[in-house]
Structures are given as structure tokens and as C-alpha cells.
Amino acid sequence: MKHIAVQKGLSPVIDYLQNVGYKVSEFDLRQKGSKDFLDGFDAIVFTGMNDNIMGMQDTNHNVPVIDARGMTPHQIRQEIEKRM
């Protein structure tokens, strides 16, 4: 089962992904600075409030980061599947 991290406040996305079989964990923006934040996730979904919200330029992880701005939960799922 794929484990997806979804930014807190994206309840429709969380509900949708859980209903189609993903394990979903909510995260708070304060957690993103944790050294081990990306460990154990197959993808991360966030709102795009900050283009470098996850500090992805500095990471060596191969975890897809999905910017959910303007996307439906179904589109987000398609993007996750495409990148994994």
C-alpha cells in the first residue's frame, strides 16, 4: 500500500486517496523541516503556498512532490500514479 503525506487542511484529497486504497498521513508545515520527514512516504501532496516548501533542492530523496493548487483529488491521484 502506497503511503502518501498530505498537507493538513486538504481533507477532500485525504478522503479521496484513502477511499481508493492509499495510506494517508497528514502533515503540518512545521514538520517539513524534520530531518526524517520524507522517510516512509511514497509521495507528498501540498498546496504550493511556497514553491520550495519542502526544500526539495537540497534533498536527495526520490519522493514525488505534488503541488495540489488547482487540481481535483482525482487529478492528484493521476499525478501520483504517473510519478511513481
N, C-alpha and C. Protein backbone atom coordinates (compact mmCIF):
# COMPACT_ATOMS: atom_id res chain seq x y z
N MET A 1 0.84 -1.18 0.00
CA MET A 1 0.00 0.00 0.00
C MET A 1 0.89 1.25 0.00
N LYS A 2 0.62 2.14 -0.91
CA LYS A 2 1.39 3.38 -1.01
C LYS A 2 1.04 4.30 0.16
N HIS A 3 2.06 4.95 0.72
CA HIS A 3 1.89 5.86 1.86
C HIS A 3 2.13 7.28 1.37
N ILE A 4 1.08 8.09 1.43
CA ILE A 4 1.12 9.45 0.90
C ILE A 4 1.01 10.45 2.04
N ALA A 5 1.88 11.46 2.06
CA ALA A 5 1.79 12.55 3.02
C ALA A 5 1.00 13.68 2.35
N VAL A 6 -0.04 14.16 3.05
CA VAL A 6 -0.87 15.22 2.52
C VAL A 6 -0.92 16.35 3.54
N GLN A 7 -0.71 17.56 3.06
CA GLN A 7 -0.70 18.72 3.94
C GLN A 7 -2.02 18.84 4.68
N LYS A 8 -1.94 19.15 5.95
CA LYS A 8 -3.12 19.35 6.78
C LYS A 8 -4.02 20.40 6.14
N GLY A 9 -5.32 20.14 6.14
CA GLY A 9 -6.27 21.08 5.56
C GLY A 9 -6.78 20.66 4.19
N LEU A 10 -6.19 19.63 3.61
CA LEU A 10 -6.64 19.14 2.31
C LEU A 10 -7.53 17.92 2.49
N SER A 11 -8.56 18.08 3.29
CA SER A 11 -9.44 16.96 3.66
C SER A 11 -10.06 16.23 2.46
N PRO A 12 -10.53 16.94 1.42
CA PRO A 12 -11.09 16.21 0.28
C PRO A 12 -10.05 15.29 -0.39
N VAL A 13 -8.82 15.73 -0.44
CA VAL A 13 -7.75 14.92 -1.03
C VAL A 13 -7.47 13.71 -0.15
N ILE A 14 -7.40 13.93 1.15
CA ILE A 14 -7.15 12.84 2.10
C ILE A 14 -8.25 11.79 1.98
N ASP A 15 -9.50 12.24 2.02
CA ASP A 15 -10.64 11.31 1.95
C ASP A 15 -10.61 10.52 0.64
N TYR A 16 -10.38 11.20 -0.46
CA TYR A 16 -10.37 10.55 -1.77
C TYR A 16 -9.27 9.49 -1.84
N LEU A 17 -8.05 9.87 -1.46
CA LEU A 17 -6.93 8.94 -1.55
C LEU A 17 -7.15 7.72 -0.65
N GLN A 18 -7.71 7.94 0.54
CA GLN A 18 -7.99 6.81 1.43
C GLN A 18 -9.05 5.90 0.81
N ASN A 19 -10.06 6.49 0.19
CA ASN A 19 -11.13 5.70 -0.41
C ASN A 19 -10.67 4.86 -1.59
N VAL A 20 -9.59 5.28 -2.25
CA VAL A 20 -9.09 4.49 -3.38
C VAL A 20 -7.92 3.58 -2.98
N GLY A 21 -7.66 3.49 -1.67
CA GLY A 21 -6.72 2.49 -1.19
C GLY A 21 -5.35 2.94 -0.74
N TYR A 22 -5.10 4.22 -0.68
CA TYR A 22 -3.81 4.70 -0.20
C TYR A 22 -3.81 4.84 1.32
N LYS A 23 -2.65 4.65 1.92
CA LYS A 23 -2.46 5.00 3.32
C LYS A 23 -2.06 6.48 3.31
N VAL A 24 -2.76 7.31 4.06
CA VAL A 24 -2.54 8.75 4.02
C VAL A 24 -2.22 9.27 5.41
N SER A 25 -1.20 10.11 5.50
CA SER A 25 -0.85 10.79 6.75
C SER A 25 -0.87 12.28 6.50
N GLU A 26 -1.49 13.01 7.41
CA GLU A 26 -1.48 14.47 7.32
C GLU A 26 -0.18 14.99 7.89
N PHE A 27 0.30 16.09 7.32
CA PHE A 27 1.46 16.73 7.91
C PHE A 27 1.19 18.23 8.05
N ASP A 28 1.84 18.79 9.01
CA ASP A 28 1.78 20.23 9.28
C ASP A 28 3.04 20.84 8.69
N LEU A 29 2.93 22.05 8.20
CA LEU A 29 4.10 22.70 7.58
C LEU A 29 5.30 22.76 8.53
N ARG A 30 5.05 22.76 9.81
CA ARG A 30 6.17 22.80 10.76
C ARG A 30 6.97 21.51 10.74
N GLN A 31 6.35 20.40 10.31
CA GLN A 31 7.04 19.12 10.27
C GLN A 31 8.01 19.01 9.12
N LYS A 32 7.85 19.80 8.08
CA LYS A 32 8.66 19.64 6.88
C LYS A 32 10.15 19.83 7.13
N GLY A 33 10.52 20.55 8.19
CA GLY A 33 11.93 20.77 8.48
C GLY A 33 12.60 19.60 9.18
N SER A 34 11.82 18.63 9.60
CA SER A 34 12.37 17.47 10.29
C SER A 34 13.28 16.69 9.34
N LYS A 35 14.43 16.31 9.84
CA LYS A 35 15.42 15.60 9.02
C LYS A 35 14.85 14.34 8.37
N ASP A 36 14.01 13.63 9.08
CA ASP A 36 13.48 12.36 8.60
C ASP A 36 12.07 12.49 8.02
N PHE A 37 11.65 13.70 7.70
CA PHE A 37 10.27 13.92 7.26
C PHE A 37 9.87 13.07 6.07
N LEU A 38 10.72 12.94 5.09
CA LEU A 38 10.37 12.23 3.86
C LEU A 38 10.43 10.71 4.00
N ASP A 39 11.07 10.22 5.04
CA ASP A 39 11.22 8.78 5.21
C ASP A 39 9.86 8.10 5.32
N GLY A 40 9.67 7.08 4.53
CA GLY A 40 8.47 6.28 4.62
C GLY A 40 7.32 6.73 3.73
N PHE A 41 7.45 7.85 3.04
CA PHE A 41 6.38 8.31 2.16
C PHE A 41 6.73 8.00 0.71
N ASP A 42 5.70 7.65 -0.05
CA ASP A 42 5.88 7.38 -1.47
C ASP A 42 5.62 8.63 -2.31
N ALA A 43 4.91 9.61 -1.74
CA ALA A 43 4.65 10.89 -2.41
C ALA A 43 4.19 11.88 -1.36
N ILE A 44 4.33 13.17 -1.69
CA ILE A 44 3.91 14.25 -0.79
C ILE A 44 3.04 15.21 -1.58
N VAL A 45 1.89 15.57 -0.98
CA VAL A 45 0.95 16.50 -1.61
C VAL A 45 0.85 17.73 -0.73
N PHE A 46 1.02 18.91 -1.33
CA PHE A 46 0.93 20.16 -0.57
C PHE A 46 0.23 21.21 -1.42
N THR A 47 -0.07 22.36 -0.82
CA THR A 47 -0.87 23.37 -1.51
C THR A 47 -0.07 24.31 -2.38
N GLY A 48 1.23 24.29 -2.34
CA GLY A 48 2.01 25.16 -3.20
C GLY A 48 2.10 26.59 -2.70
N MET A 49 1.85 26.79 -1.41
CA MET A 49 1.91 28.15 -0.87
C MET A 49 3.31 28.74 -0.99
N ASN A 50 4.28 27.87 -1.09
CA ASN A 50 5.67 28.28 -1.23
C ASN A 50 6.31 27.31 -2.21
N ASP A 51 6.85 27.81 -3.30
CA ASP A 51 7.37 26.92 -4.34
C ASP A 51 8.46 25.97 -3.85
N ASN A 52 9.18 26.33 -2.81
CA ASN A 52 10.20 25.45 -2.26
C ASN A 52 9.81 25.02 -0.85
N ILE A 53 8.55 24.75 -0.67
CA ILE A 53 8.04 24.42 0.66
C ILE A 53 8.75 23.23 1.28
N MET A 54 9.12 22.28 0.50
CA MET A 54 9.75 21.09 1.03
C MET A 54 11.27 21.16 1.00
N GLY A 55 11.84 22.24 0.53
CA GLY A 55 13.29 22.32 0.45
C GLY A 55 13.86 21.29 -0.49
N MET A 56 13.13 20.99 -1.54
CA MET A 56 13.49 19.89 -2.42
C MET A 56 14.81 20.09 -3.16
N GLN A 57 15.28 21.31 -3.30
CA GLN A 57 16.56 21.49 -3.98
C GLN A 57 17.71 20.89 -3.18
N ASP A 58 17.49 20.74 -1.89
CA ASP A 58 18.56 20.28 -1.02
C ASP A 58 18.45 18.81 -0.64
N THR A 59 17.51 18.09 -1.21
CA THR A 59 17.30 16.72 -0.79
C THR A 59 17.72 15.74 -1.89
N ASN A 60 18.10 14.56 -1.46
CA ASN A 60 18.47 13.51 -2.39
C ASN A 60 17.39 12.44 -2.50
N HIS A 61 16.25 12.68 -1.86
CA HIS A 61 15.16 11.71 -1.89
C HIS A 61 14.51 11.72 -3.26
N ASN A 62 13.99 10.57 -3.65
CA ASN A 62 13.29 10.45 -4.92
C ASN A 62 11.79 10.38 -4.70
N VAL A 63 11.29 11.19 -3.80
CA VAL A 63 9.87 11.20 -3.46
C VAL A 63 9.18 12.28 -4.29
N PRO A 64 8.15 11.90 -5.07
CA PRO A 64 7.43 12.91 -5.85
C PRO A 64 6.73 13.91 -4.94
N VAL A 65 6.82 15.17 -5.26
CA VAL A 65 6.14 16.23 -4.52
C VAL A 65 5.11 16.82 -5.46
N ILE A 66 3.84 16.74 -5.08
CA ILE A 66 2.73 17.16 -5.92
C ILE A 66 2.18 18.48 -5.40
N ASP A 67 2.16 19.49 -6.23
CA ASP A 67 1.57 20.78 -5.90
C ASP A 67 0.08 20.69 -6.25
N ALA A 68 -0.78 20.70 -5.25
CA ALA A 68 -2.21 20.46 -5.43
C ALA A 68 -3.00 21.68 -5.90
N ARG A 69 -2.34 22.82 -6.06
CA ARG A 69 -3.07 24.03 -6.47
C ARG A 69 -3.83 23.79 -7.76
N GLY A 70 -5.14 24.06 -7.72
CA GLY A 70 -5.97 23.97 -8.91
C GLY A 70 -6.27 22.56 -9.40
N MET A 71 -5.94 21.56 -8.61
CA MET A 71 -6.15 20.17 -9.01
C MET A 71 -7.28 19.54 -8.20
N THR A 72 -8.03 18.67 -8.84
CA THR A 72 -9.04 17.89 -8.13
C THR A 72 -8.34 16.71 -7.46
N PRO A 73 -9.00 16.09 -6.47
CA PRO A 73 -8.40 14.89 -5.88
C PRO A 73 -8.08 13.81 -6.92
N HIS A 74 -8.95 13.64 -7.91
CA HIS A 74 -8.71 12.65 -8.96
C HIS A 74 -7.45 13.00 -9.77
N GLN A 75 -7.28 14.27 -10.10
CA GLN A 75 -6.08 14.70 -10.83
C GLN A 75 -4.82 14.48 -10.01
N ILE A 76 -4.93 14.70 -8.70
CA ILE A 76 -3.78 14.49 -7.81
C ILE A 76 -3.42 13.01 -7.82
N ARG A 77 -4.41 12.14 -7.75
CA ARG A 77 -4.15 10.70 -7.80
C ARG A 77 -3.47 10.33 -9.11
N GLN A 78 -3.95 10.87 -10.22
CA GLN A 78 -3.33 10.58 -11.52
C GLN A 78 -1.87 11.03 -11.53
N GLU A 79 -1.59 12.18 -10.96
CA GLU A 79 -0.22 12.69 -10.91
C GLU A 79 0.67 11.79 -10.04
N ILE A 80 0.13 11.33 -8.92
CA ILE A 80 0.88 10.41 -8.05
C ILE A 80 1.23 9.15 -8.83
N GLU A 81 0.24 8.57 -9.48
CA GLU A 81 0.46 7.33 -10.24
C GLU A 81 1.48 7.53 -11.36
N LYS A 82 1.39 8.66 -12.03
CA LYS A 82 2.30 8.96 -13.14
C LYS A 82 3.76 9.06 -12.66
N ARG A 83 3.96 9.63 -11.49
CA ARG A 83 5.32 9.87 -10.99
C ARG A 83 5.92 8.71 -10.22
N MET A 84 5.11 7.72 -9.88
CA MET A 84 5.64 6.62 -9.08
C MET A 84 5.99 5.43 -9.91
